[in-house]
Amino acid sequence: MRLSIIPLIFLGYILLEIAVFILVGDAIGVLPTLGLILLSGVVGVGLMRVQGFGVIARIRSEQAAGRVPGREVLHGFMILLAGILLLLPGFVTDVLGLLLFIPAVRDGAWNLLKNRLTVVTNVRGFRGRRAPADRVVDLDDADFHRTDQRAPDAKPGSSPWIRHEDPRD
């Protein structure tokens, strides 16, 4: 029953977009209407880039603080969706896309969805892990120095750990 309504919603959306195209085209003309559609795509790409980099920075800072960046990940998804909606031709999708670029709208969506979403993190390797404070060794310049462990007759740049065969043997 639910799947049979999806084609009707899609058809209704297409008819709504066509009706809005006709109304806007009648009010401002064909070329300005096409110009607005192209402009909305350019604006969408620009906003997606600027706000997307901001979300990536916030995700990294949340991870560095040891918190799960669920809100920021959802914001990133909504920014991507907003950019896609602005790239699609149509004024209805443009309005929805512009609304998703507003942080207050994204926060409202987060408040509605946060109890229904489960954010799972997967840390691989040493990334994101912190060493316990008792296992950290903090050395000053006076505590750490390199000594030349090479043999006195060693060539510069040779390693004391590599065994070289003596051609005289």
Protein backbone atom coordinates (compact mmCIF):
# COMPACT_ATOMS: atom_id res chain seq x y z
CA MET A 1 0.00 0.00 0.00
CA ARG A 2 2.79 2.46 0.94
CA LEU A 3 4.83 1.75 -2.18
CA SER A 4 1.90 2.51 -4.42
CA ILE A 5 1.76 6.09 -3.14
CA ILE A 6 5.40 6.88 -4.05
CA PRO A 7 4.70 7.20 -7.82
CA LEU A 8 1.78 9.50 -7.02
CA ILE A 9 3.99 11.72 -4.85
CA PHE A 10 6.64 11.83 -7.60
CA LEU A 11 4.02 12.71 -10.22
CA GLY A 12 2.59 15.41 -7.96
CA TYR A 13 6.08 16.85 -7.46
CA ILE A 14 6.71 16.99 -11.23
CA LEU A 15 3.37 18.68 -11.86
CA LEU A 16 4.08 21.20 -9.09
CA GLU A 17 7.49 22.04 -10.59
CA ILE A 18 5.97 22.51 -14.05
CA ALA A 19 3.25 24.76 -12.65
CA VAL A 20 5.81 26.89 -10.81
CA PHE A 21 7.95 27.09 -13.98
CA ILE A 22 4.93 28.34 -15.94
CA LEU A 23 4.00 30.91 -13.27
CA VAL A 24 7.53 32.26 -12.91
CA GLY A 25 8.10 32.23 -16.68
CA ASP A 26 4.87 34.13 -17.20
CA ALA A 27 5.81 36.70 -14.55
CA ILE A 28 9.44 37.41 -15.50
CA GLY A 29 9.93 35.82 -18.93
CA VAL A 30 11.66 32.73 -20.28
CA LEU A 31 15.30 33.88 -20.29
CA PRO A 32 15.27 35.30 -16.74
CA THR A 33 13.61 32.07 -15.57
CA LEU A 34 16.35 29.97 -17.17
CA GLY A 35 18.94 32.35 -15.71
CA LEU A 36 17.51 31.84 -12.23
CA ILE A 37 17.72 28.08 -12.64
CA LEU A 38 21.38 28.29 -13.70
CA LEU A 39 22.16 30.77 -10.92
CA SER A 40 20.62 28.49 -8.31
CA GLY A 41 22.93 25.66 -9.41
CA VAL A 42 26.02 27.88 -9.14
CA VAL A 43 24.92 29.20 -5.74
CA GLY A 44 24.25 25.64 -4.59
CA VAL A 45 27.75 24.47 -5.48
CA GLY A 46 29.31 27.48 -3.76
CA LEU A 47 27.26 27.12 -0.58
CA MET A 48 27.89 23.39 -0.48
CA ARG A 49 31.61 23.97 -0.73
CA VAL A 50 31.81 26.67 1.94
CA GLN A 51 29.47 25.04 4.44
CA GLY A 52 30.83 21.57 3.69
CA PHE A 53 34.37 22.56 4.65
CA GLY A 54 33.00 24.09 7.86
CA VAL A 55 31.22 20.85 8.73
CA ILE A 56 34.35 18.81 8.03
CA ALA A 57 36.32 21.06 10.40
CA ARG A 58 33.67 20.63 13.11
CA ILE A 59 33.66 16.84 12.62
CA ARG A 60 37.43 16.76 13.08
CA SER A 61 37.28 18.92 16.20
CA GLU A 62 34.56 16.72 17.70
CA GLN A 63 36.64 13.62 17.01
CA ALA A 64 39.75 15.26 18.46
CA ALA A 65 37.78 16.06 21.62
CA GLY A 66 36.78 12.38 21.84
CA ARG A 67 33.10 12.96 21.11
CA VAL A 68 30.94 11.24 18.50
CA PRO A 69 30.17 13.79 15.74
CA GLY A 70 26.61 12.59 15.06
CA ARG A 71 25.10 16.07 14.76
CA GLU A 72 27.85 17.24 12.41
CA VAL A 73 27.56 14.15 10.23
CA LEU A 74 23.81 14.76 9.85
CA HIS A 75 24.51 18.42 9.07
CA GLY A 76 26.99 17.30 6.41
CA PHE A 77 24.42 14.98 4.88
CA MET A 78 21.81 17.75 4.83
CA ILE A 79 24.28 20.16 3.20
CA LEU A 80 25.01 17.56 0.52
CA LEU A 81 21.27 17.06 0.01
CA ALA A 82 20.76 20.84 -0.16
CA GLY A 83 23.43 21.12 -2.86
CA ILE A 84 21.83 18.34 -4.87
CA LEU A 85 18.41 19.98 -4.55
CA LEU A 86 19.83 23.28 -5.80
CA LEU A 87 21.45 21.53 -8.76
CA LEU A 88 18.15 19.97 -9.81
CA PRO A 89 16.18 22.23 -12.10
CA GLY A 90 13.10 23.58 -10.39
CA PHE A 91 12.04 26.28 -8.01
CA VAL A 92 10.46 23.98 -5.41
CA THR A 93 13.69 22.00 -5.02
CA ASP A 94 15.61 25.30 -4.88
CA VAL A 95 13.50 26.53 -1.97
CA LEU A 96 13.95 23.22 -0.12
CA GLY A 97 17.69 23.29 -0.82
CA LEU A 98 18.07 26.86 0.43
CA LEU A 99 16.15 25.97 3.58
CA LEU A 100 18.57 23.12 4.28
CA PHE A 101 21.50 25.54 4.07
CA ILE A 102 20.11 27.45 7.07
CA PRO A 103 21.75 26.11 10.26
CA ALA A 104 18.57 26.62 12.33
CA VAL A 105 16.61 24.37 9.95
CA ARG A 106 19.33 21.72 10.16
CA ASP A 107 19.30 21.97 13.96
CA GLY A 108 15.52 21.50 13.93
CA ALA A 109 15.94 18.39 11.79
CA TRP A 110 18.65 17.16 14.19
CA ASN A 111 16.30 17.64 17.15
CA LEU A 112 13.63 15.61 15.37
CA LEU A 113 15.96 12.83 14.29
CA LYS A 114 18.55 12.50 17.07
CA ASN A 115 16.50 10.01 19.10
CA ARG A 116 15.82 7.88 16.00
CA LEU A 117 19.41 7.69 14.78
CA THR A 118 22.24 5.53 16.02
CA VAL A 119 25.75 6.75 15.31
CA VAL A 120 28.34 3.99 15.28
CA THR A 121 32.03 4.80 15.30
CA ASN A 122 34.76 2.52 14.09
CA VAL A 123 38.33 3.38 15.01
CA ARG A 124 41.08 1.54 13.20
CA GLY A 125 44.73 1.66 14.07
CA PHE A 126 46.01 4.36 16.38
CA ARG A 127 43.95 7.15 14.93
CA GLY A 128 41.66 8.70 17.47
CA ARG A 129 43.15 6.79 20.42
CA ARG A 130 44.85 8.62 23.23
CA ALA A 131 47.78 7.30 25.20
CA PRO A 132 47.15 7.10 28.93
CA ALA A 133 48.89 9.87 30.86
CA ASP A 134 51.12 7.40 32.73
CA ARG A 135 52.54 6.04 29.45
CA VAL A 136 53.60 9.40 28.02
CA VAL A 137 57.29 10.25 28.30
CA ASP A 138 57.98 13.96 28.04
CA LEU A 139 61.61 14.73 27.26
CA ASP A 140 63.34 18.09 27.22
CA ASP A 141 66.30 18.92 24.98
CA ALA A 142 68.67 18.14 27.85
CA ASP A 143 67.06 14.71 28.33
CA PHE A 144 67.30 13.63 24.71
CA HIS A 145 70.40 13.60 22.56
CA ARG A 146 71.75 11.51 19.75
CA THR A 147 75.11 9.84 19.93
CA ASP A 148 77.09 8.58 17.01
CA GLN A 149 77.14 4.80 17.42
CA ARG A 150 79.09 4.19 14.23
CA ALA A 151 82.49 2.65 14.14
CA PRO A 152 85.33 5.14 13.93
CA ASP A 153 86.17 4.09 10.37
CA ALA A 154 82.53 4.17 9.14
CA LYS A 155 81.58 6.24 6.14
CA PRO A 156 79.29 9.23 6.69
CA GLY A 157 75.66 8.25 6.25
CA SER A 158 76.25 4.58 6.94
CA SER A 159 74.13 2.82 9.50
CA PRO A 160 75.52 0.81 12.41
CA TRP A 161 72.66 -1.66 11.93
CA ILE A 162 73.51 -2.71 8.38
CA ARG A 163 76.15 -5.38 8.06
CA HIS A 164 78.49 -4.72 5.15
CA GLU A 165 80.60 -7.48 3.80
CA ASP A 166 84.28 -6.63 3.83
CA PRO A 167 85.65 -7.11 0.30
CA ARG A 168 89.01 -8.11 1.84
CA ASP A 169 87.55 -11.31 3.34
